[in-house]
């Protein structure tokens, strides 16, 4: 039985996926934008009223995501407002969300338990975690993967200077279908799910912002029951990379 999802996200076909993170190429400009939604922090309702009021219940710094695909890759493009772009990580294959601004992409086939957790940061670092199931969360073996994805970013401002107000940053994450299909399931329309999450640190925010598309019912990026189904704009194309 397919897992229930609240949303579908369409990936438009592009024979050549543009990797300029300005996202001004026609392929990116002509595909649908999906806004990220504010996620209530854990414990928010138990906080003092003044803290809740100061943080608010809305997304202060907006972001949107788009999807492209072709015979070899799925690509995620994200545009973000960001008053303070920060990335303190120094190496790939690390828990980069603990070290600064991070886009997290989760991808899961509907007919299997396994899934991927992928990171991209403003300083072009990347991480690939693979979980045989959610029952493997936090096991060291899940992090022992090759960083097979490509991450390209553009910062509108000054990286890692909290004294200066920035405008934002963009990211393209290019994901090889050979990685997604090596366990036997083909990359077909309507058979895979995705969630794009953001961890936004800033000296100009009263609290770190979490956001996602689709909007999750709680700030748990591993809540794959609520991921969106990926719809390919050319359903005749089926990709199998064994």
Protein backbone atom coordinates (compact mmCIF):
# COMPACT_ATOMS: atom_id res chain seq x y z
CA UNK A 1 0.00 0.00 0.00
CA UNK A 2 1.31 3.42 -0.92
CA UNK A 3 1.95 5.82 1.93
CA UNK A 4 -0.40 8.76 2.17
CA UNK A 5 1.04 12.15 1.30
CA UNK A 6 -0.43 15.62 1.46
CA UNK A 7 1.08 16.93 -1.74
CA UNK A 8 2.59 16.13 -5.10
CA UNK A 9 5.67 17.88 -6.43
CA UNK A 10 6.31 18.00 -10.17
CA UNK A 11 9.77 17.59 -11.65
CA UNK A 12 10.06 19.07 -15.14
CA UNK A 13 12.25 17.34 -17.71
CA UNK A 14 15.47 19.06 -18.83
CA UNK A 15 17.84 17.28 -21.20
CA UNK A 16 20.69 19.34 -19.76
CA UNK A 17 20.16 20.47 -16.17
CA UNK A 18 21.64 23.98 -15.73
CA UNK A 19 24.01 24.14 -12.74
CA UNK A 20 24.23 27.93 -12.39
CA UNK A 21 22.88 28.50 -8.84
CA UNK A 22 21.55 31.91 -9.83
CA UNK A 23 18.63 29.79 -11.17
CA UNK A 24 18.04 32.22 -14.04
CA UNK A 25 18.18 29.62 -16.82
CA UNK A 26 14.91 28.97 -18.63
CA UNK A 27 14.67 25.41 -17.36
CA UNK A 28 14.60 26.62 -13.76
CA UNK A 29 12.53 29.73 -14.41
CA UNK A 30 9.77 27.84 -16.20
CA UNK A 31 9.25 25.10 -13.63
CA UNK A 32 6.94 25.39 -10.66
CA UNK A 33 8.12 26.94 -7.39
CA UNK A 34 7.07 25.30 -4.12
CA UNK A 35 7.25 27.54 -1.04
CA UNK A 36 8.71 26.17 2.17
CA UNK A 37 6.49 26.39 5.25
CA UNK A 38 7.27 27.36 8.84
CA UNK A 39 7.59 24.48 11.30
CA UNK A 40 6.78 24.97 14.95
CA UNK A 41 9.86 24.19 17.09
CA UNK A 42 9.69 21.28 19.48
CA UNK A 43 8.37 22.42 22.86
CA UNK A 44 7.07 25.72 21.47
CA UNK A 45 3.71 25.56 23.28
CA UNK A 46 5.41 25.05 26.66
CA UNK A 47 7.60 28.14 26.31
CA UNK A 48 6.78 31.37 28.17
CA UNK A 49 4.31 33.57 26.31
CA UNK A 50 6.81 36.37 25.74
CA UNK A 51 9.24 33.99 24.05
CA UNK A 52 6.47 32.60 21.85
CA UNK A 53 5.40 36.12 20.94
CA UNK A 54 8.95 37.20 20.13
CA UNK A 55 9.54 34.21 17.85
CA UNK A 56 6.07 34.29 16.31
CA UNK A 57 4.19 31.70 14.28
CA UNK A 58 5.26 32.61 10.77
CA UNK A 59 8.24 32.14 8.52
CA UNK A 60 10.34 35.29 8.66
CA UNK A 61 12.79 34.33 5.90
CA UNK A 62 11.08 32.72 2.92
CA UNK A 63 12.35 30.04 0.59
CA UNK A 64 11.10 28.10 -2.42
CA UNK A 65 12.15 24.89 -4.17
CA UNK A 66 11.93 23.58 -7.74
CA UNK A 67 12.61 20.19 -9.30
CA UNK A 68 14.17 19.14 -12.61
CA UNK A 69 15.09 15.70 -13.89
CA UNK A 70 16.52 13.83 -16.86
CA UNK A 71 17.73 10.32 -17.68
CA UNK A 72 20.63 10.53 -15.23
CA UNK A 73 19.74 12.96 -12.45
CA UNK A 74 17.11 14.54 -10.23
CA UNK A 75 17.95 18.15 -9.34
CA UNK A 76 16.62 20.34 -6.55
CA UNK A 77 16.95 24.13 -6.83
CA UNK A 78 16.28 26.28 -3.76
CA UNK A 79 16.12 30.07 -3.39
CA UNK A 80 16.30 31.51 0.12
CA UNK A 81 16.02 34.80 1.90
CA UNK A 82 18.68 34.85 4.60
CA UNK A 83 19.75 37.78 6.75
CA UNK A 84 22.89 36.01 7.96
CA UNK A 85 24.39 33.27 5.80
CA UNK A 86 26.49 31.03 8.01
CA UNK A 87 28.29 27.74 7.35
CA UNK A 88 30.89 26.64 9.88
CA UNK A 89 31.35 23.10 8.60
CA UNK A 90 34.67 22.21 7.00
CA UNK A 91 34.19 18.73 5.53
CA UNK A 92 31.73 16.63 3.57
CA UNK A 93 29.89 13.68 5.12
CA UNK A 94 29.28 15.44 8.41
CA UNK A 95 26.19 16.46 10.40
CA UNK A 96 26.22 19.84 8.70
CA UNK A 97 22.84 20.94 10.07
CA UNK A 98 24.59 21.37 13.44
CA UNK A 99 27.15 23.71 11.88
CA UNK A 100 25.13 26.29 10.00
CA UNK A 101 22.55 26.90 7.29
CA UNK A 102 21.60 23.66 5.60
CA UNK A 103 19.18 22.39 2.99
CA UNK A 104 18.15 18.81 3.65
CA UNK A 105 16.61 16.67 0.92
CA UNK A 106 14.96 13.38 1.87
CA UNK A 107 14.06 10.90 -0.87
CA UNK A 108 12.25 7.60 -0.40
CA UNK A 109 10.66 5.04 -2.73
CA UNK A 110 7.06 4.28 -1.82
CA UNK A 111 7.54 0.52 -2.12
CA UNK A 112 10.55 0.13 0.18
CA UNK A 113 11.67 1.09 3.68
CA UNK A 114 15.01 2.59 2.69
CA UNK A 115 15.62 6.29 2.09
CA UNK A 116 18.30 8.97 1.76
CA UNK A 117 19.07 12.12 3.73
CA UNK A 118 21.10 14.61 1.68
CA UNK A 119 22.63 17.95 2.76
CA UNK A 120 23.89 21.04 0.98
CA UNK A 121 25.41 24.13 2.62
CA UNK A 122 26.31 27.67 1.48
CA UNK A 123 30.01 26.75 1.31
CA UNK A 124 29.31 23.85 -1.09
CA UNK A 125 29.66 21.05 1.43
CA UNK A 126 27.54 17.94 1.02
CA UNK A 127 26.48 14.84 2.91
CA UNK A 128 24.78 11.59 1.90
CA UNK A 129 23.22 9.43 4.60
CA UNK A 130 21.45 6.19 3.66
CA UNK A 131 19.00 4.42 5.95
CA UNK A 132 17.95 0.82 5.15
CA UNK A 133 14.90 1.77 7.24
CA UNK A 134 13.90 4.32 9.86
CA UNK A 135 14.75 1.58 12.34
CA UNK A 136 18.42 2.27 11.51
CA UNK A 137 18.36 5.93 12.58
CA UNK A 138 21.64 7.11 14.12
CA UNK A 139 23.59 3.93 13.41
CA UNK A 140 27.14 4.83 12.29
CA UNK A 141 26.90 2.68 9.16
CA UNK A 142 24.24 5.02 7.72
CA UNK A 143 26.85 7.77 7.46
CA UNK A 144 29.48 5.60 5.77
CA UNK A 145 28.45 6.59 2.26
CA UNK A 146 30.09 8.26 -0.71
CA UNK A 147 29.06 11.87 -1.24
CA UNK A 148 27.85 11.14 -4.77
CA UNK A 149 25.68 14.24 -5.09
CA UNK A 150 26.76 17.58 -6.55
CA UNK A 151 26.07 20.84 -4.70
CA UNK A 152 26.46 24.31 -6.24
CA UNK A 153 25.62 27.47 -4.30
CA UNK A 154 25.56 31.24 -4.63
CA UNK A 155 25.65 33.56 -1.61
CA UNK A 156 24.10 37.00 -1.84
CA UNK A 157 26.10 38.72 0.86
CA UNK A 158 29.07 37.81 3.05
CA UNK A 159 29.50 34.28 4.36
CA UNK A 160 30.15 33.87 8.09
CA UNK A 161 30.07 37.49 9.22
CA UNK A 162 27.18 38.03 11.63
CA UNK A 163 27.85 41.77 11.77
CA UNK A 164 26.79 42.23 8.15
CA UNK A 165 23.23 41.70 6.98
CA UNK A 166 22.95 39.41 3.96
CA UNK A 167 20.23 38.92 1.36
CA UNK A 168 20.17 35.15 0.94
CA UNK A 169 21.62 32.17 -0.86
CA UNK A 170 20.67 29.70 -3.60
CA UNK A 171 21.53 26.05 -3.98
CA UNK A 172 21.31 23.37 -6.65
CA UNK A 173 21.63 19.76 -5.55
CA UNK A 174 22.10 17.24 -8.35
CA UNK A 175 21.29 13.66 -7.35
CA UNK A 176 22.41 10.74 -9.55
CA UNK A 177 19.61 8.32 -10.38
CA UNK A 178 22.23 5.56 -10.39
CA UNK A 179 22.46 6.08 -6.63
CA UNK A 180 18.69 5.99 -6.12
CA UNK A 181 18.07 2.92 -8.27
CA UNK A 182 20.99 0.71 -7.29
CA UNK A 183 18.82 -1.24 -4.84
CA UNK A 184 16.53 -2.42 -7.62
CA UNK A 185 13.60 0.02 -7.81
CA UNK A 186 13.19 2.11 -10.95
CA UNK A 187 12.79 5.87 -10.86
CA UNK A 188 9.19 6.18 -12.05
CA UNK A 189 6.61 8.92 -11.79
CA UNK A 190 4.43 8.60 -8.71
CA UNK A 191 6.65 5.93 -7.11
CA UNK A 192 9.05 8.11 -5.12
CA UNK A 193 8.55 10.70 -2.38
CA UNK A 194 10.51 13.77 -1.36
CA UNK A 195 10.77 16.34 1.41
CA UNK A 196 12.94 19.46 1.30
CA UNK A 197 13.80 20.93 4.69
CA UNK A 198 15.73 23.99 5.75
CA UNK A 199 17.68 24.82 8.89
CA UNK A 200 18.19 28.58 9.00
CA UNK A 201 20.57 30.10 11.52
CA UNK A 202 20.85 33.89 11.82
CA UNK A 203 22.08 36.53 14.24
CA UNK A 204 19.05 38.56 13.17
CA UNK A 205 16.43 35.96 14.09
CA UNK A 206 15.10 35.35 17.62
CA UNK A 207 15.43 31.58 17.09
CA UNK A 208 16.67 29.17 14.43
CA UNK A 209 14.00 28.70 11.76
CA UNK A 210 12.92 25.31 10.47
CA UNK A 211 10.82 25.05 7.31
CA UNK A 212 9.84 22.39 4.82
CA UNK A 213 7.96 21.48 1.68
CA UNK A 214 5.62 19.77 1.96
CA UNK A 215 4.62 21.23 5.32
CA UNK A 216 5.10 18.62 8.03
CA UNK A 217 2.78 18.30 11.01
CA UNK A 218 5.78 18.42 13.37
CA UNK A 219 9.48 19.30 13.00
CA UNK A 220 10.58 15.74 12.23
CA UNK A 221 12.32 15.53 8.87
CA UNK A 222 12.15 11.72 9.05
CA UNK A 223 8.34 11.77 8.98
CA UNK A 224 8.22 10.16 5.56
CA UNK A 225 4.50 9.42 5.85
CA UNK A 226 4.04 13.11 4.99
CA UNK A 227 6.56 13.46 2.17
CA UNK A 228 5.28 14.58 -1.24
CA UNK A 229 5.01 12.24 -4.21
CA UNK A 230 7.33 13.11 -7.11
CA UNK A 231 5.48 13.45 -10.42
CA UNK A 232 7.64 13.44 -13.55
CA UNK A 233 6.35 15.66 -16.34
CA UNK A 234 7.06 12.90 -18.89
CA UNK A 235 5.61 9.72 -17.43
CA UNK A 236 6.73 7.71 -20.48
CA UNK A 237 10.30 7.95 -19.28
CA UNK A 238 11.35 5.26 -16.80
CA UNK A 239 14.90 5.31 -15.53
CA UNK A 240 16.71 2.24 -14.27
CA UNK A 241 20.40 2.50 -13.42
CA UNK A 242 21.63 -0.84 -12.16
